[in-house]
Each structure stands twice: as C-alpha cells, then as structure tokens.
PDB file of N, CA and C in Angstrom:
ATOM      1  N   MET A   1     -19.750 -40.351   5.502  1.00  0.00           N
ATOM      2  CA  MET A   1     -19.668 -41.700   6.010  1.00  0.00           C
ATOM      3  C   MET A   1     -20.769 -42.565   5.416  1.00  0.00           C
ATOM      4  N   MET A   2     -21.959 -42.013   5.280  1.00  0.00           N
ATOM      5  CA  MET A   2     -23.072 -42.794   4.762  1.00  0.00           C
ATOM      6  C   MET A   2     -22.816 -43.204   3.318  1.00  0.00           C
ATOM      7  N   MET A   3     -22.221 -42.300   2.527  1.00  0.00           N
ATOM      8  CA  MET A   3     -21.943 -42.621   1.131  1.00  0.00           C
ATOM      9  C   MET A   3     -20.932 -43.762   1.037  1.00  0.00           C
ATOM     10  N   ALA A   4     -19.925 -43.754   1.894  1.00  0.00           N
ATOM     11  CA  ALA A   4     -18.920 -44.818   1.882  1.00  0.00           C
ATOM     12  C   ALA A   4     -19.546 -46.150   2.262  1.00  0.00           C
ATOM     13  N   ALA A   5     -20.411 -46.148   3.261  1.00  0.00           N
ATOM     14  CA  ALA A   5     -21.074 -47.389   3.682  1.00  0.00           C
ATOM     15  C   ALA A   5     -21.974 -47.922   2.568  1.00  0.00           C
ATOM     16  N   GLU A   6     -22.632 -47.029   1.857  1.00  0.00           N
ATOM     17  CA  GLU A   6     -23.469 -47.458   0.736  1.00  0.00           C
ATOM     18  C   GLU A   6     -22.615 -48.072  -0.376  1.00  0.00           C
ATOM     19  N   LEU A   7     -21.470 -47.475  -0.654  1.00  0.00           N
ATOM     20  CA  LEU A   7     -20.565 -48.008  -1.668  1.00  0.00           C
ATOM     21  C   LEU A   7     -20.072 -49.396  -1.270  1.00  0.00           C
ATOM     22  N   VAL A   8     -19.711 -49.568  -0.013  1.00  0.00           N
ATOM     23  CA  VAL A   8     -19.257 -50.874   0.464  1.00  0.00           C
ATOM     24  C   VAL A   8     -20.372 -51.907   0.301  1.00  0.00           C
ATOM     25  N   ASN A   9     -21.594 -51.544   0.655  1.00  0.00           N
ATOM     26  CA  ASN A   9     -22.712 -52.478   0.512  1.00  0.00           C
ATOM     27  C   ASN A   9     -22.968 -52.838  -0.946  1.00  0.00           C
ATOM     28  N   ARG A  10     -22.870 -51.854  -1.830  1.00  0.00           N
ATOM     29  CA  ARG A  10     -23.073 -52.137  -3.260  1.00  0.00           C
ATOM     30  C   ARG A  10     -21.965 -53.030  -3.799  1.00  0.00           C
ATOM     31  N   VAL A  11     -20.727 -52.781  -3.375  1.00  0.00           N
ATOM     32  CA  VAL A  11     -19.608 -53.629  -3.801  1.00  0.00           C
ATOM     33  C   VAL A  11     -19.829 -55.055  -3.315  1.00  0.00           C
ATOM     34  N   MET A  12     -20.268 -55.214  -2.084  1.00  0.00           N
ATOM     35  CA  MET A  12     -20.494 -56.552  -1.541  1.00  0.00           C
ATOM     36  C   MET A  12     -21.602 -57.281  -2.296  1.00  0.00           C
ATOM     37  N   LEU A  13     -22.705 -56.613  -2.557  1.00  0.00           N
ATOM     38  CA  LEU A  13     -23.808 -57.262  -3.279  1.00  0.00           C
ATOM     39  C   LEU A  13     -23.417 -57.624  -4.707  1.00  0.00           C
ATOM     40  N   THR A  14     -22.770 -56.710  -5.390  1.00  0.00           N
ATOM     41  CA  THR A  14     -22.319 -56.988  -6.749  1.00  0.00           C
ATOM     42  C   THR A  14     -21.260 -58.085  -6.746  1.00  0.00           C
ATOM     43  N   GLY A  15     -20.393 -58.059  -5.746  1.00  0.00           N
ATOM     44  CA  GLY A  15     -19.367 -59.088  -5.615  1.00  0.00           C
ATOM     45  C   GLY A  15     -19.964 -60.465  -5.390  1.00  0.00           C
ATOM     46  N   LEU A  16     -21.018 -60.536  -4.606  1.00  0.00           N
ATOM     47  CA  LEU A  16     -21.681 -61.822  -4.389  1.00  0.00           C
ATOM     48  C   LEU A  16     -22.295 -62.344  -5.692  1.00  0.00           C
ATOM     49  N   GLY A  17     -22.889 -61.457  -6.460  1.00  0.00           N
ATOM     50  CA  GLY A  17     -23.433 -61.863  -7.759  1.00  0.00           C
ATOM     51  C   GLY A  17     -22.344 -62.344  -8.699  1.00  0.00           C
ATOM     52  N   ALA A  18     -21.227 -61.626  -8.728  1.00  0.00           N
ATOM     53  CA  ALA A  18     -20.100 -62.039  -9.570  1.00  0.00           C
ATOM     54  C   ALA A  18     -19.522 -63.361  -9.093  1.00  0.00           C
ATOM     55  N   THR A  19     -19.518 -63.579  -7.791  1.00  0.00           N
ATOM     56  CA  THR A  19     -19.027 -64.838  -7.234  1.00  0.00           C
ATOM     57  C   THR A  19     -19.862 -66.012  -7.716  1.00  0.00           C
ATOM     58  N   VAL A  20     -21.155 -65.837  -7.724  1.00  0.00           N
ATOM     59  CA  VAL A  20     -22.046 -66.907  -8.205  1.00  0.00           C
ATOM     60  C   VAL A  20     -21.747 -67.220  -9.667  1.00  0.00           C
ATOM     61  N   LEU A  21     -21.581 -66.197 -10.479  1.00  0.00           N
ATOM     62  CA  LEU A  21     -21.285 -66.418 -11.897  1.00  0.00           C
ATOM     63  C   LEU A  21     -19.947 -67.116 -12.097  1.00  0.00           C
ATOM     64  N   VAL A  22     -18.922 -66.670 -11.379  1.00  0.00           N
ATOM     65  CA  VAL A  22     -17.599 -67.281 -11.501  1.00  0.00           C
ATOM     66  C   VAL A  22     -17.642 -68.727 -11.019  1.00  0.00           C
ATOM     67  N   ALA A  23     -18.363 -68.983  -9.936  1.00  0.00           N
ATOM     68  CA  ALA A  23     -18.452 -70.349  -9.408  1.00  0.00           C
ATOM     69  C   ALA A  23     -19.175 -71.273 -10.383  1.00  0.00           C
ATOM     70  N   ILE A  24     -20.221 -70.790 -11.006  1.00  0.00           N
ATOM     71  CA  ILE A  24     -20.946 -71.605 -11.987  1.00  0.00           C
ATOM     72  C   ILE A  24     -20.049 -71.922 -13.177  1.00  0.00           C
ATOM     73  N   LEU A  25     -19.349 -70.906 -13.670  1.00  0.00           N
ATOM     74  CA  LEU A  25     -18.434 -71.137 -14.796  1.00  0.00           C
ATOM     75  C   LEU A  25     -17.302 -72.084 -14.418  1.00  0.00           C
ATOM     76  N   ALA A  26     -16.714 -71.868 -13.255  1.00  0.00           N
ATOM     77  CA  ALA A  26     -15.616 -72.731 -12.818  1.00  0.00           C
ATOM     78  C   ALA A  26     -16.097 -74.161 -12.627  1.00  0.00           C
ATOM     79  N   GLY A  27     -17.268 -74.319 -12.049  1.00  0.00           N
ATOM     80  CA  GLY A  27     -17.825 -75.654 -11.849  1.00  0.00           C
ATOM     81  C   GLY A  27     -18.128 -76.353 -13.163  1.00  0.00           C
ATOM     82  N   ALA A  28     -18.619 -75.590 -14.136  1.00  0.00           N
ATOM     83  CA  ALA A  28     -18.922 -76.178 -15.441  1.00  0.00           C
ATOM     84  C   ALA A  28     -17.654 -76.579 -16.181  1.00  0.00           C
ATOM     85  N   ILE A  29     -16.595 -75.823 -16.006  1.00  0.00           N
ATOM     86  CA  ILE A  29     -15.347 -76.094 -16.721  1.00  0.00           C
ATOM     87  C   ILE A  29     -14.525 -77.181 -16.031  1.00  0.00           C
ATOM     88  N   ALA A  30     -14.371 -77.075 -14.712  1.00  0.00           N
ATOM     89  CA  ALA A  30     -13.416 -77.953 -14.017  1.00  0.00           C
ATOM     90  C   ALA A  30     -14.010 -78.762 -12.868  1.00  0.00           C
ATOM     91  N   GLY A  31     -15.298 -78.706 -12.672  1.00  0.00           N
ATOM     92  CA  GLY A  31     -15.917 -79.541 -11.653  1.00  0.00           C
ATOM     93  C   GLY A  31     -16.176 -78.829 -10.339  1.00  0.00           C
ATOM     94  N   PRO A  32     -16.704 -79.587  -9.380  1.00  0.00           N
ATOM     95  CA  PRO A  32     -17.110 -78.987  -8.103  1.00  0.00           C
ATOM     96  C   PRO A  32     -15.955 -78.399  -7.292  1.00  0.00           C
ATOM     97  N   GLY A  33     -14.774 -78.978  -7.367  1.00  0.00           N
ATOM     98  CA  GLY A  33     -13.620 -78.423  -6.646  1.00  0.00           C
ATOM     99  C   GLY A  33     -13.287 -77.020  -7.113  1.00  0.00           C
ATOM    100  N   ALA A  34     -13.474 -76.773  -8.390  1.00  0.00           N
ATOM    101  CA  ALA A  34     -13.225 -75.441  -8.929  1.00  0.00           C
ATOM    102  C   ALA A  34     -14.292 -74.458  -8.446  1.00  0.00           C
ATOM    103  N   ALA A  35     -15.536 -74.905  -8.382  1.00  0.00           N
ATOM    104  CA  ALA A  35     -16.600 -74.033  -7.895  1.00  0.00           C
ATOM    105  C   ALA A  35     -16.360 -73.650  -6.435  1.00  0.00           C
ATOM    106  N   VAL A  36     -15.966 -74.625  -5.629  1.00  0.00           N
ATOM    107  CA  VAL A  36     -15.671 -74.355  -4.214  1.00  0.00           C
ATOM    108  C   VAL A  36     -14.470 -73.418  -4.089  1.00  0.00           C
ATOM    109  N   GLY A  37     -13.459 -73.616  -4.919  1.00  0.00           N
ATOM    110  CA  GLY A  37     -12.291 -72.734  -4.896  1.00  0.00           C
ATOM    111  C   GLY A  37     -12.642 -71.312  -5.254  1.00  0.00           C
ATOM    112  N   ALA A  38     -13.474 -71.139  -6.273  1.00  0.00           N
ATOM    113  CA  ALA A  38     -13.883 -69.793  -6.678  1.00  0.00           C
ATOM    114  C   ALA A  38     -14.693 -69.117  -5.581  1.00  0.00           C
ATOM    115  N   ILE A  39     -15.593 -69.858  -4.972  1.00  0.00           N
ATOM    116  CA  ILE A  39     -16.397 -69.295  -3.881  1.00  0.00           C
ATOM    117  C   ILE A  39     -15.501 -68.939  -2.695  1.00  0.00           C
ATOM    118  N   GLY A  40     -14.580 -69.824  -2.371  1.00  0.00           N
ATOM    119  CA  GLY A  40     -13.675 -69.561  -1.249  1.00  0.00           C
ATOM    120  C   GLY A  40     -12.790 -68.350  -1.485  1.00  0.00           C
ATOM    121  N   GLY A  41     -12.187 -68.266  -2.657  1.00  0.00           N
ATOM    122  CA  GLY A  41     -11.326 -67.125  -2.968  1.00  0.00           C
ATOM    123  C   GLY A  41     -12.094 -65.812  -2.968  1.00  0.00           C
ATOM    124  N   ALA A  42     -13.276 -65.831  -3.553  1.00  0.00           N
ATOM    125  CA  ALA A  42     -14.088 -64.611  -3.599  1.00  0.00           C
ATOM    126  C   ALA A  42     -14.563 -64.208  -2.206  1.00  0.00           C
ATOM    127  N   THR A  43     -14.927 -65.185  -1.401  1.00  0.00           N
ATOM    128  CA  THR A  43     -15.371 -64.880  -0.045  1.00  0.00           C
ATOM    129  C   THR A  43     -14.245 -64.238   0.757  1.00  0.00           C
ATOM    130  N   ILE A  44     -13.060 -64.776   0.637  1.00  0.00           N
ATOM    131  CA  ILE A  44     -11.918 -64.211   1.362  1.00  0.00           C
ATOM    132  C   ILE A  44     -11.655 -62.778   0.918  1.00  0.00           C
ATOM    133  N   THR A  45     -11.635 -62.534  -0.375  1.00  0.00           N
ATOM    134  CA  THR A  45     -11.317 -61.186  -0.851  1.00  0.00           C
ATOM    135  C   THR A  45     -12.433 -60.190  -0.515  1.00  0.00           C
ATOM    136  N   LEU A  46     -13.692 -60.620  -0.571  1.00  0.00           N
ATOM    137  CA  LEU A  46     -14.793 -59.713  -0.241  1.00  0.00           C
ATOM    138  C   LEU A  46     -14.829 -59.394   1.251  1.00  0.00           C
ATOM    139  N   LEU A  47     -14.605 -60.402   2.093  1.00  0.00           N
ATOM    140  CA  LEU A  47     -14.589 -60.141   3.530  1.00  0.00           C
ATOM    141  C   LEU A  47     -13.393 -59.276   3.920  1.00  0.00           C
ATOM    142  N   ASN A  48     -12.253 -59.509   3.286  1.00  0.00           N
ATOM    143  CA  ASN A  48     -11.079 -58.685   3.543  1.00  0.00           C
ATOM    144  C   ASN A  48     -11.356 -57.231   3.141  1.00  0.00           C
ATOM    145  N   PHE A  49     -12.004 -57.047   1.987  1.00  0.00           N
ATOM    146  CA  PHE A  49     -12.368 -55.697   1.550  1.00  0.00           C
ATOM    147  C   PHE A  49     -13.314 -55.040   2.537  1.00  0.00           C
ATOM    148  N   ARG A  50     -14.319 -55.776   3.001  1.00  0.00           N
ATOM    149  CA  ARG A  50     -15.296 -55.207   3.931  1.00  0.00           C
ATOM    150  C   ARG A  50     -14.603 -54.770   5.231  1.00  0.00           C
ATOM    151  N   TRP A  51     -13.703 -55.602   5.727  1.00  0.00           N
ATOM    152  CA  TRP A  51     -12.990 -55.285   6.957  1.00  0.00           C
ATOM    153  C   TRP A  51     -12.104 -54.060   6.750  1.00  0.00           C
ATOM    154  N   LEU A  52     -11.410 -54.008   5.618  1.00  0.00           N
ATOM    155  CA  LEU A  52     -10.551 -52.860   5.306  1.00  0.00           C
ATOM    156  C   LEU A  52     -11.381 -51.578   5.172  1.00  0.00           C
ATOM    157  N   ALA A  53     -12.506 -51.658   4.485  1.00  0.00           N
ATOM    158  CA  ALA A  53     -13.364 -50.488   4.307  1.00  0.00           C
ATOM    159  C   ALA A  53     -13.929 -50.012   5.651  1.00  0.00           C
ATOM    160  N   HIS A  54     -14.301 -50.961   6.496  1.00  0.00           N
ATOM    161  CA  HIS A  54     -14.802 -50.610   7.821  1.00  0.00           C
ATOM    162  C   HIS A  54     -13.729 -49.853   8.607  1.00  0.00           C
ATOM    163  N   ASP A  55     -12.491 -50.342   8.560  1.00  0.00           N
ATOM    164  CA  ASP A  55     -11.397 -49.655   9.243  1.00  0.00           C
ATOM    165  C   ASP A  55     -11.138 -48.280   8.643  1.00  0.00           C
ATOM    166  N   ALA A  56     -11.224 -48.158   7.332  1.00  0.00           N
ATOM    167  CA  ALA A  56     -11.004 -46.865   6.680  1.00  0.00           C
ATOM    168  C   ALA A  56     -12.084 -45.864   7.085  1.00  0.00           C
ATOM    169  N   ILE A  57     -13.314 -46.306   7.159  1.00  0.00           N
ATOM    170  CA  ILE A  57     -14.400 -45.419   7.576  1.00  0.00           C
ATOM    171  C   ILE A  57     -14.187 -44.973   9.014  1.00  0.00           C
ATOM    172  N   ARG A  58     -13.816 -45.920   9.883  1.00  0.00           N
ATOM    173  CA  ARG A  58     -13.576 -45.576  11.283  1.00  0.00           C
ATOM    174  C   ARG A  58     -12.386 -44.625  11.414  1.00  0.00           C
ATOM    175  N   ALA A  59     -11.352 -44.805  10.616  1.00  0.00           N
ATOM    176  CA  ALA A  59     -10.166 -43.946  10.700  1.00  0.00           C
ATOM    177  C   ALA A  59     -10.472 -42.526  10.250  1.00  0.00           C
ATOM    178  N   THR A  60     -11.301 -42.384   9.235  1.00  0.00           N
ATOM    179  CA  THR A  60     -11.580 -41.045   8.715  1.00  0.00           C
ATOM    180  C   THR A  60     -12.638 -40.310   9.527  1.00  0.00           C
ATOM    181  N   THR A  61     -13.478 -41.029  10.255  1.00  0.00           N
ATOM    182  CA  THR A  61     -14.508 -40.367  11.051  1.00  0.00           C
ATOM    183  C   THR A  61     -14.109 -40.245  12.514  1.00  0.00           C
ATOM    184  N   GLY A  62     -13.045 -40.945  12.909  1.00  0.00           N
ATOM    185  CA  GLY A  62     -12.601 -40.884  14.298  1.00  0.00           C
ATOM    186  C   GLY A  62     -13.525 -41.604  15.255  1.00  0.00           C
ATOM    187  N   SER A  63     -14.308 -42.542  14.766  1.00  0.00           N
ATOM    188  CA  SER A  63     -15.267 -43.249  15.620  1.00  0.00           C
ATOM    189  C   SER A  63     -14.722 -44.612  16.036  1.00  0.00           C
ATOM    190  N   GLY A  64     -14.052 -44.640  17.153  1.00  0.00           N
ATOM    191  CA  GLY A  64     -13.596 -45.914  17.687  1.00  0.00           C
ATOM    192  C   GLY A  64     -12.203 -46.305  17.249  1.00  0.00           C
ATOM    193  N   ARG A  65     -11.752 -47.410  17.810  1.00  0.00           N
ATOM    194  CA  ARG A  65     -10.426 -47.932  17.512  1.00  0.00           C
ATOM    195  C   ARG A  65     -10.433 -48.734  16.228  1.00  0.00           C
ATOM    196  N   LEU A  66      -9.283 -48.786  15.602  1.00  0.00           N
ATOM    197  CA  LEU A  66      -9.123 -49.627  14.425  1.00  0.00           C
ATOM    198  C   LEU A  66      -8.857 -51.053  14.872  1.00  0.00           C
ATOM    199  N   SER A  67      -9.349 -51.997  14.102  1.00  0.00           N
ATOM    200  CA  SER A  67      -9.039 -53.390  14.398  1.00  0.00           C
ATOM    201  C   SER A  67      -7.622 -53.684  13.906  1.00  0.00           C
ATOM    202  N   GLY A  68      -7.087 -54.795  14.322  1.00  0.00           N
ATOM    203  CA  GLY A  68      -5.708 -55.118  13.988  1.00  0.00           C
ATOM    204  C   GLY A  68      -5.513 -55.379  12.507  1.00  0.00           C
ATOM    205  N   ILE A  69      -4.738 -54.515  11.862  1.00  0.00           N
ATOM    206  CA  ILE A  69      -4.470 -54.675  10.439  1.00  0.00           C
ATOM    207  C   ILE A  69      -3.682 -55.955  10.197  1.00  0.00           C
ATOM    208  N   GLY A  70      -2.729 -56.217  11.062  1.00  0.00           N
ATOM    209  CA  GLY A  70      -1.959 -57.444  10.939  1.00  0.00           C
ATOM    210  C   GLY A  70      -2.828 -58.675  11.103  1.00  0.00           C
ATOM    211  N   LEU A  71      -3.813 -58.585  11.988  1.00  0.00           N
ATOM    212  CA  LEU A  71      -4.731 -59.702  12.205  1.00  0.00           C
ATOM    213  C   LEU A  71      -5.534 -59.994  10.938  1.00  0.00           C
ATOM    214  N   ARG A  72      -5.960 -58.952  10.253  1.00  0.00           N
ATOM    215  CA  ARG A  72      -6.715 -59.146   9.009  1.00  0.00           C
ATOM    216  C   ARG A  72      -5.852 -59.847   7.968  1.00  0.00           C
ATOM    217  N   LYS A  73      -4.616 -59.393   7.841  1.00  0.00           N
ATOM    218  CA  LYS A  73      -3.710 -60.006   6.859  1.00  0.00           C
ATOM    219  C   LYS A  73      -3.409 -61.460   7.216  1.00  0.00           C
ATOM    220  N   LEU A  74      -3.151 -61.730   8.488  1.00  0.00           N
ATOM    221  CA  LEU A  74      -2.891 -63.109   8.910  1.00  0.00           C
ATOM    222  C   LEU A  74      -4.111 -63.997   8.706  1.00  0.00           C
ATOM    223  N   GLY A  75      -5.280 -63.453   8.983  1.00  0.00           N
ATOM    224  CA  GLY A  75      -6.515 -64.218   8.782  1.00  0.00           C
ATOM    225  C   GLY A  75      -6.743 -64.561   7.321  1.00  0.00           C
ATOM    226  N   ALA A  76      -6.524 -63.593   6.445  1.00  0.00           N
ATOM    227  CA  ALA A  76      -6.693 -63.844   5.007  1.00  0.00           C
ATOM    228  C   ALA A  76      -5.664 -64.850   4.513  1.00  0.00           C
ATOM    229  N   LEU A  77      -4.436 -64.717   4.963  1.00  0.00           N
ATOM    230  CA  LEU A  77      -3.389 -65.648   4.556  1.00  0.00           C
ATOM    231  C   LEU A  77      -3.685 -67.061   5.060  1.00  0.00           C
ATOM    232  N   ALA A  78      -4.134 -67.179   6.296  1.00  0.00           N
ATOM    233  CA  ALA A  78      -4.471 -68.495   6.851  1.00  0.00           C
ATOM    234  C   ALA A  78      -5.642 -69.122   6.105  1.00  0.00           C
ATOM    235  N   ALA A  79      -6.644 -68.320   5.772  1.00  0.00           N
ATOM    236  CA  ALA A  79      -7.801 -68.849   5.040  1.00  0.00           C
ATOM    237  C   ALA A  79      -7.393 -69.309   3.637  1.00  0.00           C
ATOM    238  N   LEU A  80      -6.559 -68.521   2.965  1.00  0.00           N
ATOM    239  CA  LEU A  80      -6.068 -68.925   1.641  1.00  0.00           C
ATOM    240  C   LEU A  80      -5.237 -70.199   1.720  1.00  0.00           C
ATOM    241  N   GLY A  81      -4.377 -70.255   2.712  1.00  0.00           N
ATOM    242  CA  GLY A  81      -3.568 -71.456   2.899  1.00  0.00           C
ATOM    243  C   GLY A  81      -4.422 -72.678   3.154  1.00  0.00           C
ATOM    244  N   ALA A  82      -5.441 -72.522   3.985  1.00  0.00           N
ATOM    245  CA  ALA A  82      -6.341 -73.643   4.280  1.00  0.00           C
ATOM    246  C   ALA A  82      -7.075 -74.097   3.022  1.00  0.00           C
ATOM    247  N   LEU A  83      -7.490 -73.146   2.197  1.00  0.00           N
ATOM    248  CA  LEU A  83      -8.163 -73.506   0.939  1.00  0.00           C
ATOM    249  C   LEU A  83      -7.254 -74.319   0.034  1.00  0.00           C
ATOM    250  N   LEU A  84      -6.041 -73.851  -0.109  1.00  0.00           N
ATOM    251  CA  LEU A  84      -5.117 -74.498  -1.035  1.00  0.00           C
ATOM    252  C   LEU A  84      -4.605 -75.834  -0.517  1.00  0.00           C
ATOM    253  N   VAL A  85      -4.367 -75.937   0.776  1.00  0.00           N
ATOM    254  CA  VAL A  85      -3.823 -77.160   1.351  1.00  0.00           C
ATOM    255  C   VAL A  85      -4.902 -78.234   1.512  1.00  0.00           C
ATOM    256  N   SER A  86      -6.150 -77.824   1.606  1.00  0.00           N
ATOM    257  CA  SER A  86      -7.235 -78.779   1.859  1.00  0.00           C
ATOM    258  C   SER A  86      -7.350 -79.840   0.770  1.00  0.00           C
ATOM    259  N   GLY A  87      -6.995 -79.495  -0.459  1.00  0.00           N
ATOM    260  CA  GLY A  87      -7.135 -80.436  -1.564  1.00  0.00           C
ATOM    261  C   GLY A  87      -8.548 -80.477  -2.136  1.00  0.00           C
ATOM    262  N   TRP A  88      -9.453 -79.715  -1.549  1.00  0.00           N
ATOM    263  CA  TRP A  88     -10.830 -79.692  -2.040  1.00  0.00           C
ATOM    264  C   TRP A  88     -11.025 -78.688  -3.160  1.00  0.00           C
ATOM    265  N   THR A  89     -10.067 -77.810  -3.334  1.00  0.00           N
ATOM    266  CA  THR A  89     -10.228 -76.720  -4.287  1.00  0.00           C
ATOM    267  C   THR A  89      -9.145 -76.765  -5.353  1.00  0.00           C
ATOM    268  N   HIS A  90      -9.459 -76.152  -6.468  1.00  0.00           N
ATOM    269  CA  HIS A  90      -8.486 -76.022  -7.550  1.00  0.00           C
ATOM    270  C   HIS A  90      -7.793 -74.672  -7.376  1.00  0.00           C
ATOM    271  N   PRO A  91      -6.452 -74.639  -7.368  1.00  0.00           N
ATOM    272  CA  PRO A  91      -5.728 -73.382  -7.115  1.00  0.00           C
ATOM    273  C   PRO A  91      -6.054 -72.267  -8.113  1.00  0.00           C
ATOM    274  N   VAL A  92      -6.255 -72.610  -9.363  1.00  0.00           N
ATOM    275  CA  VAL A  92      -6.577 -71.580 -10.356  1.00  0.00           C
ATOM    276  C   VAL A  92      -7.955 -70.997 -10.079  1.00  0.00           C
ATOM    277  N   ALA A  93      -8.864 -71.835  -9.619  1.00  0.00           N
ATOM    278  CA  ALA A  93     -10.207 -71.349  -9.284  1.00  0.00           C
ATOM    279  C   ALA A  93     -10.158 -70.428  -8.067  1.00  0.00           C
ATOM    280  N   VAL A  94      -9.300 -70.735  -7.114  1.00  0.00           N
ATOM    281  CA  VAL A  94      -9.131 -69.845  -5.960  1.00  0.00           C
ATOM    282  C   VAL A  94      -8.628 -68.482  -6.447  1.00  0.00           C
ATOM    283  N   ALA A  95      -7.671 -68.488  -7.349  1.00  0.00           N
ATOM    284  CA  ALA A  95      -7.162 -67.229  -7.913  1.00  0.00           C
ATOM    285  C   ALA A  95      -8.262 -66.487  -8.672  1.00  0.00           C
ATOM    286  N   ALA A  96      -9.091 -67.225  -9.407  1.00  0.00           N
ATOM    287  CA  ALA A  96     -10.206 -66.588 -10.113  1.00  0.00           C
ATOM    288  C   ALA A  96     -11.170 -65.944  -9.123  1.00  0.00           C
ATOM    289  N   GLY A  97     -11.400 -66.610  -8.002  1.00  0.00           N
ATOM    290  CA  GLY A  97     -12.255 -66.032  -6.972  1.00  0.00           C
ATOM    291  C   GLY A  97     -11.660 -64.769  -6.384  1.00  0.00           C
ATOM    292  N   LEU A  98     -10.346 -64.767  -6.195  1.00  0.00           N
ATOM    293  CA  LEU A  98      -9.688 -63.572  -5.663  1.00  0.00           C
ATOM    294  C   LEU A  98      -9.795 -62.400  -6.631  1.00  0.00           C
ATOM    295  N   LEU A  99      -9.917 -62.694  -7.906  1.00  0.00           N
ATOM    296  CA  LEU A  99      -9.989 -61.636  -8.923  1.00  0.00           C
ATOM    297  C   LEU A  99     -11.401 -61.103  -9.142  1.00  0.00           C
ATOM    298  N   VAL A 100     -12.353 -61.517  -8.324  1.00  0.00           N
ATOM    299  CA  VAL A 100     -13.721 -61.001  -8.438  1.00  0.00           C
ATOM    300  C   VAL A 100     -13.777 -59.540  -8.000  1.00  0.00           C
ATOM    301  N   LEU A 101     -13.048 -59.193  -6.961  1.00  0.00           N
ATOM    302  CA  LEU A 101     -13.167 -57.846  -6.381  1.00  0.00           C
ATOM    303  C   LEU A 101     -12.727 -56.705  -7.288  1.00  0.00           C
ATOM    304  N   PRO A 102     -11.562 -56.742  -7.942  1.00  0.00           N
ATOM    305  CA  PRO A 102     -11.120 -55.547  -8.677  1.00  0.00           C
ATOM    306  C   PRO A 102     -12.104 -55.007  -9.710  1.00  0.00           C
ATOM    307  N   PRO A 103     -12.668 -55.818 -10.621  1.00  0.00           N
ATOM    308  CA  PRO A 103     -13.602 -55.224 -11.584  1.00  0.00           C
ATOM    309  C   PRO A 103     -14.890 -54.724 -10.931  1.00  0.00           C
ATOM    310  N   VAL A 104     -15.339 -55.411  -9.889  1.00  0.00           N
ATOM    311  CA  VAL A 104     -16.543 -54.965  -9.175  1.00  0.00           C
ATOM    312  C   VAL A 104     -16.276 -53.633  -8.501  1.00  0.00           C
ATOM    313  N   LEU A 105     -15.129 -53.502  -7.877  1.00  0.00           N
ATOM    314  CA  LEU A 105     -14.776 -52.264  -7.195  1.00  0.00           C
ATOM    315  C   LEU A 105     -14.643 -51.101  -8.176  1.00  0.00           C
ATOM    316  N   VAL A 106     -14.023 -51.344  -9.314  1.00  0.00           N
ATOM    317  CA  VAL A 106     -13.896 -50.293 -10.329  1.00  0.00           C
ATOM    318  C   VAL A 106     -15.269 -49.886 -10.859  1.00  0.00           C
ATOM    319  N   ALA A 107     -16.103 -50.864 -11.176  1.00  0.00           N
ATOM    320  CA  ALA A 107     -17.434 -50.563 -11.711  1.00  0.00           C
ATOM    321  C   ALA A 107     -18.273 -49.780 -10.704  1.00  0.00           C
ATOM    322  N   GLN A 108     -18.265 -50.202  -9.456  1.00  0.00           N
ATOM    323  CA  GLN A 108     -19.053 -49.494  -8.445  1.00  0.00           C
ATOM    324  C   GLN A 108     -18.461 -48.122  -8.111  1.00  0.00           C
ATOM    325  N   GLY A 109     -17.150 -47.996  -8.168  1.00  0.00           N
ATOM    326  CA  GLY A 109     -16.524 -46.698  -7.962  1.00  0.00           C
ATOM    327  C   GLY A 109     -16.882 -45.721  -9.069  1.00  0.00           C
ATOM    328  N   LEU A 110     -16.881 -46.199 -10.307  1.00  0.00           N
ATOM    329  CA  LEU A 110     -17.282 -45.337 -11.424  1.00  0.00           C
ATOM    330  C   LEU A 110     -18.760 -44.954 -11.310  1.00  0.00           C
ATOM    331  N   ARG A 111     -19.570 -45.888 -10.876  1.00  0.00           N
ATOM    332  CA  ARG A 111     -20.994 -45.599 -10.700  1.00  0.00           C
ATOM    333  C   ARG A 111     -21.195 -44.548  -9.621  1.00  0.00           C
ATOM    334  N   ALA A 112     -20.455 -44.678  -8.515  1.00  0.00           N
ATOM    335  CA  ALA A 112     -20.557 -43.696  -7.432  1.00  0.00           C
ATOM    336  C   ALA A 112     -20.076 -42.320  -7.879  1.00  0.00           C
ATOM    337  N   ALA A 113     -19.045 -42.294  -8.687  1.00  0.00           N
ATOM    338  CA  ALA A 113     -18.536 -41.009  -9.194  1.00  0.00           C
ATOM    339  C   ALA A 113     -19.534 -40.335 -10.122  1.00  0.00           C
ATOM    340  N   ARG A 114     -20.252 -41.154 -10.892  1.00  0.00           N
ATOM    341  CA  ARG A 114     -21.253 -40.603 -11.801  1.00  0.00           C
ATOM    342  C   ARG A 114     -22.437 -40.034 -11.046  1.00  0.00           C
ATOM    343  N   ASP A 115     -22.809 -40.682  -9.953  1.00  0.00           N
ATOM    344  CA  ASP A 115     -23.961 -40.233  -9.158  1.00  0.00           C
ATOM    345  C   ASP A 115     -23.559 -39.041  -8.353  1.00  0.00           C
TER     346      ASP A 115
END
C-alpha cells in the first residue's frame, strides 16, 4: 500500500510540473484562455486519477468503503462541461491539459518498475 501511495504522489507532483509547462506553452501560443484551459483540463484529469487511485488502494487493502465511481465520472464530466461552456477556455487547450496524465503515468510507472 505504501508503494502505491508513493507512486500516486510522484505522479501528482510530476503532473503538476507538466501542467505548468503545458500552460506556459499554451498561453504563449494562444493566449490566456488557452493557459486556463490547459490548467483546467490537467487539474480535472489529475484529480480524477488521484480519486481513482485512492479507490483502487482501498479496494485492494480492504480498508473502508469505496466512494461512488459514478459520482467521480459525473463530477469529471460536469467540470469538463463547465470549462468548455464557460467560454473562458480554448477547447484544444483543455484537451492538451487532459493529455498531461498519460505520459507522466507511464514515466513514473517505468521508474517505479526500475526501482
């Protein structure tokens, strides 16, 4: 359990760093709306990952009840919808923010496997 929690923390920290880089690039290319979109998309995907990982750890250790999986999905969908409908963000930048997690997760997973 401790190793999984450490992996989640490393993914979150690396993801936050990647979010800053993506937001800076998006802001430089397409303006502040793109930076906000990238930050919003990345925040949603990182928080969704953290919630999913927390539930997975609880399920495998038998410590407590799982939170509502449907609630997590509805929350992520509502947050994405709010980002896109608000008009403050660029949709492509939101998608770029959502794509922060996969390479970070792969890199940290490979690092954990090596250790």
